[in-house]
Amino acid sequence: MKLPLRFAAVGLFCLAPLALHAASSATTLLQSMDKTHYSAHVVARISQYAPPLKGKTEHALVSVDSVELLLERPDRFRFVLRPGQKNELTFVAQAGIARWRDKATGATGKAGTDKVVDPLALIALGTAGELKRYSSLGELNPGKSSPLRGARLDPRVFGSDVERATAWFGNDQPVGYGFEMSDGSRIYLAIASYKPNVQTKPGDFEL
């Protein structure tokens, strides 16, 4: 079972810092994240957009779901899609093994983490200070009147479904991340709450 919509790719940015100097560029924020943050707890809303129809350019909205994500380097995460709902879906991973449970059906499963998580996310979570080794970074210019700053990331990771990613910051806080996937679909993560370097317990990464 592939982690739905390759959502684990969002782990690339979910360790982003909350408070650097106001003059920091978006690319500086991302690189600081990569060097200094070892864990994060994120509450967000995730939207999936379908690939455009032939001859069209519009991406139709497929789904909008709430999500909670707990990450800890180098290899542990807990991903809950639609938390608290009847169709809640939970993925946990540690020590190279991923497990999942579908609340609606009661189905459970187990596989190697590399079989269900995008390679880009695995590298991002498993390394520190090496962001520019596996991706190229560029600053985005939303305009002088915009309160946002953005960074574009072009991955250089074999087997990744992510062709391009963007990170947006407001007041040096992460506000949203976008992902353009290899099949033409898009994923957008809107951050509602972010807590960096949180304390975790062994049970956090068990079903």
C-alpha atoms as a PDB file:
ATOM      1  CA  MET A   1       0.000   0.000   0.000  1.00  0.00           C
ATOM      2  CA  LYS A   2       1.586   3.254  -1.132  1.00  0.00           C
ATOM      3  CA  LEU A   3       1.235   6.083   1.360  1.00  0.00           C
ATOM      4  CA  PRO A   4      -1.761   7.951  -0.122  1.00  0.00           C
ATOM      5  CA  LEU A   5      -0.850  10.658  -2.628  1.00  0.00           C
ATOM      6  CA  ARG A   6       2.800  10.303  -1.632  1.00  0.00           C
ATOM      7  CA  PHE A   7       1.864  12.510   1.326  1.00  0.00           C
ATOM      8  CA  ALA A   8       5.098  11.603   3.080  1.00  0.00           C
ATOM      9  CA  ALA A   9       6.829  13.944   0.653  1.00  0.00           C
ATOM     10  CA  VAL A  10       5.494  16.791   2.764  1.00  0.00           C
ATOM     11  CA  GLY A  11       7.973  15.716   5.407  1.00  0.00           C
ATOM     12  CA  LEU A  12      10.603  17.508   3.386  1.00  0.00           C
ATOM     13  CA  PHE A  13       9.342  20.874   4.595  1.00  0.00           C
ATOM     14  CA  CYS A  14       7.613  20.082   7.856  1.00  0.00           C
ATOM     15  CA  LEU A  15      10.804  20.606   9.845  1.00  0.00           C
ATOM     16  CA  ALA A  16      10.928  24.226   8.657  1.00  0.00           C
ATOM     17  CA  PRO A  17      11.866  26.836  11.275  1.00  0.00           C
ATOM     18  CA  LEU A  18       9.425  29.239  12.845  1.00  0.00           C
ATOM     19  CA  ALA A  19      11.530  32.168  13.955  1.00  0.00           C
ATOM     20  CA  LEU A  20      14.586  33.551  12.237  1.00  0.00           C
ATOM     21  CA  HIS A  21      15.444  37.176  11.616  1.00  0.00           C
ATOM     22  CA  ALA A  22      12.822  38.950   9.542  1.00  0.00           C
ATOM     23  CA  ALA A  23      15.346  39.550   6.764  1.00  0.00           C
ATOM     24  CA  SER A  24      15.841  35.830   6.169  1.00  0.00           C
ATOM     25  CA  SER A  25      15.102  34.622   2.666  1.00  0.00           C
ATOM     26  CA  ALA A  26      12.915  31.575   2.111  1.00  0.00           C
ATOM     27  CA  THR A  27      15.897  29.540   0.933  1.00  0.00           C
ATOM     28  CA  THR A  28      17.799  30.534   4.078  1.00  0.00           C
ATOM     29  CA  LEU A  29      14.863  29.354   6.172  1.00  0.00           C
ATOM     30  CA  LEU A  30      14.843  25.976   4.435  1.00  0.00           C
ATOM     31  CA  GLN A  31      18.569  25.480   4.881  1.00  0.00           C
ATOM     32  CA  SER A  32      18.353  26.431   8.551  1.00  0.00           C
ATOM     33  CA  MET A  33      15.587  23.847   8.954  1.00  0.00           C
ATOM     34  CA  ASP A  34      17.779  21.210   7.416  1.00  0.00           C
ATOM     35  CA  LYS A  35      20.614  21.911   9.848  1.00  0.00           C
ATOM     36  CA  THR A  36      18.922  22.558  13.192  1.00  0.00           C
ATOM     37  CA  HIS A  37      15.554  20.861  13.574  1.00  0.00           C
ATOM     38  CA  TYR A  38      15.257  17.226  14.609  1.00  0.00           C
ATOM     39  CA  SER A  39      11.478  16.875  15.062  1.00  0.00           C
ATOM     40  CA  ALA A  40       8.170  18.618  14.436  1.00  0.00           C
ATOM     41  CA  HIS A  41       4.454  18.316  15.065  1.00  0.00           C
ATOM     42  CA  VAL A  42       2.236  19.658  12.291  1.00  0.00           C
ATOM     43  CA  VAL A  43      -1.516  20.149  12.006  1.00  0.00           C
ATOM     44  CA  ALA A  44      -2.602  21.021   8.492  1.00  0.00           C
ATOM     45  CA  ARG A  45      -5.116  20.714   5.708  1.00  0.00           C
ATOM     46  CA  ILE A  46      -4.022  18.872   2.608  1.00  0.00           C
ATOM     47  CA  SER A  47      -5.564  19.278  -0.842  1.00  0.00           C
ATOM     48  CA  GLN A  48      -5.087  17.014  -3.839  1.00  0.00           C
ATOM     49  CA  TYR A  49      -5.537  18.229  -7.411  1.00  0.00           C
ATOM     50  CA  ALA A  50      -5.905  15.863 -10.363  1.00  0.00           C
ATOM     51  CA  PRO A  51      -3.729  16.066 -13.480  1.00  0.00           C
ATOM     52  CA  PRO A  52      -5.281  18.374 -16.106  1.00  0.00           C
ATOM     53  CA  LEU A  53      -7.373  16.776 -18.820  1.00  0.00           C
ATOM     54  CA  LYS A  54      -5.833  16.479 -22.266  1.00  0.00           C
ATOM     55  CA  GLY A  55      -5.643  19.890 -23.862  1.00  0.00           C
ATOM     56  CA  LYS A  56      -6.507  21.638 -20.607  1.00  0.00           C
ATOM     57  CA  THR A  57      -4.409  23.419 -17.994  1.00  0.00           C
ATOM     58  CA  GLU A  58      -6.739  23.427 -14.989  1.00  0.00           C
ATOM     59  CA  HIS A  59      -6.209  21.032 -12.089  1.00  0.00           C
ATOM     60  CA  ALA A  60      -9.519  19.854 -10.628  1.00  0.00           C
ATOM     61  CA  LEU A  61      -9.738  19.597  -6.849  1.00  0.00           C
ATOM     62  CA  VAL A  62     -10.073  15.927  -5.846  1.00  0.00           C
ATOM     63  CA  SER A  63     -10.049  16.003  -2.055  1.00  0.00           C
ATOM     64  CA  VAL A  64      -9.421  18.172   0.985  1.00  0.00           C
ATOM     65  CA  ASP A  65      -8.523  16.447   4.248  1.00  0.00           C
ATOM     66  CA  SER A  66      -7.168  17.307   7.674  1.00  0.00           C
ATOM     67  CA  VAL A  67      -3.847  15.756   8.622  1.00  0.00           C
ATOM     68  CA  GLU A  68      -1.582  15.484  11.653  1.00  0.00           C
ATOM     69  CA  LEU A  69       2.077  14.674  11.229  1.00  0.00           C
ATOM     70  CA  LEU A  70       4.721  13.928  13.853  1.00  0.00           C
ATOM     71  CA  LEU A  71       8.286  13.626  12.559  1.00  0.00           C
ATOM     72  CA  GLU A  72      11.555  12.726  14.233  1.00  0.00           C
ATOM     73  CA  ARG A  73      14.861  12.343  12.485  1.00  0.00           C
ATOM     74  CA  PRO A  74      16.319  10.188  11.210  1.00  0.00           C
ATOM     75  CA  ASP A  75      13.523   7.772  10.329  1.00  0.00           C
ATOM     76  CA  ARG A  76      10.409   8.049  12.515  1.00  0.00           C
ATOM     77  CA  PHE A  77       7.029   9.515  11.705  1.00  0.00           C
ATOM     78  CA  ARG A  78       3.337   9.268  12.530  1.00  0.00           C
ATOM     79  CA  PHE A  79       0.945  10.395   9.804  1.00  0.00           C
ATOM     80  CA  VAL A  80      -2.798  10.554  10.505  1.00  0.00           C
ATOM     81  CA  LEU A  81      -5.158  11.409   7.663  1.00  0.00           C
ATOM     82  CA  ARG A  82      -8.646  12.592   8.681  1.00  0.00           C
ATOM     83  CA  PRO A  83      -7.889  12.298  12.437  1.00  0.00           C
ATOM     84  CA  GLY A  84     -10.915  11.472  14.586  1.00  0.00           C
ATOM     85  CA  GLN A  85     -13.145  10.588  11.641  1.00  0.00           C
ATOM     86  CA  LYS A  86     -14.663   7.212  10.804  1.00  0.00           C
ATOM     87  CA  ASN A  87     -12.364   6.871   7.794  1.00  0.00           C
ATOM     88  CA  GLU A  88      -9.202   7.836   9.673  1.00  0.00           C
ATOM     89  CA  LEU A  89      -6.025   6.382   8.162  1.00  0.00           C
ATOM     90  CA  THR A  90      -2.847   6.091  10.243  1.00  0.00           C
ATOM     91  CA  PHE A  91       0.714   5.383   9.114  1.00  0.00           C
ATOM     92  CA  VAL A  92       3.645   4.974  11.509  1.00  0.00           C
ATOM     93  CA  ALA A  93       7.280   4.234  10.742  1.00  0.00           C
ATOM     94  CA  GLN A  94      10.522   3.620  12.585  1.00  0.00           C
ATOM     95  CA  ALA A  95      13.679   1.572  12.087  1.00  0.00           C
ATOM     96  CA  GLY A  96      12.896   1.065   8.408  1.00  0.00           C
ATOM     97  CA  ILE A  97       9.467  -0.512   8.942  1.00  0.00           C
ATOM     98  CA  ALA A  98       6.128   1.171   8.193  1.00  0.00           C
ATOM     99  CA  ARG A  99       2.753   0.036   9.532  1.00  0.00           C
ATOM    100  CA  TRP A 100      -0.729   1.309   8.771  1.00  0.00           C
ATOM    101  CA  ARG A 101      -4.324   0.951   9.869  1.00  0.00           C
ATOM    102  CA  ASP A 102      -7.543   1.870   8.067  1.00  0.00           C
ATOM    103  CA  LYS A 103     -10.143   2.694  10.717  1.00  0.00           C
ATOM    104  CA  ALA A 104     -13.050   2.352   8.286  1.00  0.00           C
ATOM    105  CA  THR A 105     -12.275  -1.243   7.305  1.00  0.00           C
ATOM    106  CA  GLY A 106     -10.071  -2.409  10.161  1.00  0.00           C
ATOM    107  CA  ALA A 107      -7.392  -3.396   7.665  1.00  0.00           C
ATOM    108  CA  THR A 108      -3.755  -3.215   8.754  1.00  0.00           C
ATOM    109  CA  GLY A 109      -0.494  -3.658   6.927  1.00  0.00           C
ATOM    110  CA  LYS A 110       3.272  -3.635   7.159  1.00  0.00           C
ATOM    111  CA  ALA A 111       6.103  -2.979   4.704  1.00  0.00           C
ATOM    112  CA  GLY A 112       9.585  -1.556   4.435  1.00  0.00           C
ATOM    113  CA  THR A 113       9.460   2.227   4.739  1.00  0.00           C
ATOM    114  CA  ASP A 114      11.233   2.589   1.399  1.00  0.00           C
ATOM    115  CA  LYS A 115       8.331   0.756  -0.251  1.00  0.00           C
ATOM    116  CA  VAL A 116       5.634   3.199   0.887  1.00  0.00           C
ATOM    117  CA  VAL A 117       7.389   6.556   1.339  1.00  0.00           C
ATOM    118  CA  ASP A 118       8.736   8.842  -1.373  1.00  0.00           C
ATOM    119  CA  PRO A 119      12.559   8.665  -1.626  1.00  0.00           C
ATOM    120  CA  LEU A 120      12.806  12.451  -1.363  1.00  0.00           C
ATOM    121  CA  ALA A 121      11.152  12.395   2.061  1.00  0.00           C
ATOM    122  CA  LEU A 122      13.403   9.574   3.251  1.00  0.00           C
ATOM    123  CA  ILE A 123      16.539  11.506   2.322  1.00  0.00           C
ATOM    124  CA  ALA A 124      15.249  14.767   3.797  1.00  0.00           C
ATOM    125  CA  LEU A 125      14.391  13.153   7.128  1.00  0.00           C
ATOM    126  CA  GLY A 126      17.447  10.939   7.253  1.00  0.00           C
ATOM    127  CA  THR A 127      20.094  13.616   6.678  1.00  0.00           C
ATOM    128  CA  ALA A 128      20.940  17.017   8.142  1.00  0.00           C
ATOM    129  CA  GLY A 129      22.646  19.961   6.478  1.00  0.00           C
ATOM    130  CA  GLU A 130      22.648  18.307   3.048  1.00  0.00           C
ATOM    131  CA  LEU A 131      19.621  19.917   1.403  1.00  0.00           C
ATOM    132  CA  LYS A 132      21.621  21.355  -1.513  1.00  0.00           C
ATOM    133  CA  ARG A 133      23.214  17.977  -2.203  1.00  0.00           C
ATOM    134  CA  TYR A 134      19.970  16.421  -3.414  1.00  0.00           C
ATOM    135  CA  SER A 135      18.088  19.483  -4.670  1.00  0.00           C
ATOM    136  CA  SER A 136      18.551  22.892  -6.231  1.00  0.00           C
ATOM    137  CA  LEU A 137      17.028  25.915  -4.501  1.00  0.00           C
ATOM    138  CA  GLY A 138      15.711  29.169  -5.899  1.00  0.00           C
ATOM    139  CA  GLU A 139      14.009  32.199  -4.426  1.00  0.00           C
ATOM    140  CA  LEU A 140      10.469  33.045  -5.616  1.00  0.00           C
ATOM    141  CA  ASN A 141       9.296  36.628  -5.961  1.00  0.00           C
ATOM    142  CA  PRO A 142       5.570  37.028  -5.192  1.00  0.00           C
ATOM    143  CA  GLY A 143       5.814  40.817  -5.566  1.00  0.00           C
ATOM    144  CA  LYS A 144       6.870  43.712  -3.362  1.00  0.00           C
ATOM    145  CA  SER A 145       3.395  44.143  -1.891  1.00  0.00           C
ATOM    146  CA  SER A 146       3.089  40.501  -0.834  1.00  0.00           C
ATOM    147  CA  PRO A 147       3.782  39.590   2.818  1.00  0.00           C
ATOM    148  CA  LEU A 148       4.947  36.147   1.675  1.00  0.00           C
ATOM    149  CA  ARG A 149       8.333  34.849   0.625  1.00  0.00           C
ATOM    150  CA  GLY A 150       8.785  31.630  -1.271  1.00  0.00           C
ATOM    151  CA  ALA A 151      11.408  29.105  -2.260  1.00  0.00           C
ATOM    152  CA  ARG A 152      11.403  26.645  -5.134  1.00  0.00           C
ATOM    153  CA  LEU A 153      13.035  23.274  -4.760  1.00  0.00           C
ATOM    154  CA  ASP A 154      13.907  21.024  -7.706  1.00  0.00           C
ATOM    155  CA  PRO A 155      14.777  17.536  -6.397  1.00  0.00           C
ATOM    156  CA  ARG A 156      17.608  15.420  -7.737  1.00  0.00           C
ATOM    157  CA  VAL A 157      16.469  12.125  -6.231  1.00  0.00           C
ATOM    158  CA  PHE A 158      16.087   8.955  -8.280  1.00  0.00           C
ATOM    159  CA  GLY A 159      12.621   7.424  -8.007  1.00  0.00           C
ATOM    160  CA  SER A 160      10.925  10.420  -6.398  1.00  0.00           C
ATOM    161  CA  ASP A 161       7.414  11.327  -7.531  1.00  0.00           C
ATOM    162  CA  VAL A 162       8.063  14.996  -6.686  1.00  0.00           C
ATOM    163  CA  GLU A 163       9.145  17.027  -9.707  1.00  0.00           C
ATOM    164  CA  ARG A 164       9.029  20.427  -8.028  1.00  0.00           C
ATOM    165  CA  ALA A 165       8.178  21.784  -4.596  1.00  0.00           C
ATOM    166  CA  THR A 166       7.509  25.263  -3.267  1.00  0.00           C
ATOM    167  CA  ALA A 167       7.594  26.564   0.291  1.00  0.00           C
ATOM    168  CA  TRP A 168       5.849  29.748   1.419  1.00  0.00           C
ATOM    169  CA  PHE A 169       6.620  31.746   4.556  1.00  0.00           C
ATOM    170  CA  GLY A 170       4.875  34.664   6.237  1.00  0.00           C
ATOM    171  CA  ASN A 171       6.655  36.508   9.066  1.00  0.00           C
ATOM    172  CA  ASP A 172       9.289  33.767   8.958  1.00  0.00           C
ATOM    173  CA  GLN A 173       6.655  31.130   9.685  1.00  0.00           C
ATOM    174  CA  PRO A 174       5.706  28.318   7.297  1.00  0.00           C
ATOM    175  CA  VAL A 175       2.237  28.887   5.872  1.00  0.00           C
ATOM    176  CA  GLY A 176       1.987  26.486   2.951  1.00  0.00           C
ATOM    177  CA  TYR A 177       3.802  24.040   0.710  1.00  0.00           C
ATOM    178  CA  GLY A 178       3.038  22.917  -2.826  1.00  0.00           C
ATOM    179  CA  PHE A 179       4.128  19.792  -4.680  1.00  0.00           C
ATOM    180  CA  GLU A 180       4.019  19.129  -8.425  1.00  0.00           C
ATOM    181  CA  MET A 181       4.038  15.379  -8.980  1.00  0.00           C
ATOM    182  CA  SER A 182       5.384  13.335 -11.875  1.00  0.00           C
ATOM    183  CA  ASP A 183       1.899  12.210 -12.966  1.00  0.00           C
ATOM    184  CA  GLY A 184       0.742  15.822 -13.357  1.00  0.00           C
ATOM    185  CA  SER A 185      -1.190  15.955 -10.086  1.00  0.00           C
ATOM    186  CA  ARG A 186      -0.561  18.548  -7.395  1.00  0.00           C
ATOM    187  CA  ILE A 187      -0.664  18.544  -3.606  1.00  0.00           C
ATOM    188  CA  TYR A 188      -0.958  21.599  -1.384  1.00  0.00           C
ATOM    189  CA  LEU A 189      -0.407  21.655   2.363  1.00  0.00           C
ATOM    190  CA  ALA A 190      -1.868  24.582   4.337  1.00  0.00           C
ATOM    191  CA  ILE A 191      -0.290  24.839   7.798  1.00  0.00           C
ATOM    192  CA  ALA A 192      -2.628  25.472  10.736  1.00  0.00           C
ATOM    193  CA  SER A 193      -0.198  24.712  13.573  1.00  0.00           C
ATOM    194  CA  TYR A 194       3.509  23.988  13.679  1.00  0.00           C
ATOM    195  CA  LYS A 195       5.720  23.094  16.660  1.00  0.00           C
ATOM    196  CA  PRO A 196       9.429  22.428  16.063  1.00  0.00           C
ATOM    197  CA  ASN A 197      11.798  20.242  18.090  1.00  0.00           C
ATOM    198  CA  VAL A 198       9.054  18.600  20.123  1.00  0.00           C
ATOM    199  CA  GLN A 199       9.629  15.833  22.661  1.00  0.00           C
ATOM    200  CA  THR A 200       8.465  12.404  21.525  1.00  0.00           C
ATOM    201  CA  LYS A 201       7.804   9.047  23.184  1.00  0.00           C
ATOM    202  CA  PRO A 202       8.450   5.548  21.788  1.00  0.00           C
ATOM    203  CA  GLY A 203       4.702   4.904  21.713  1.00  0.00           C
ATOM    204  CA  ASP A 204       4.145   7.867  19.402  1.00  0.00           C
ATOM    205  CA  PHE A 205       5.368   5.769  16.499  1.00  0.00           C
ATOM    206  CA  GLU A 206       3.331   2.635  17.191  1.00  0.00           C
ATOM    207  CA  LEU A 207      -0.202   1.798  16.033  1.00  0.00           C
END
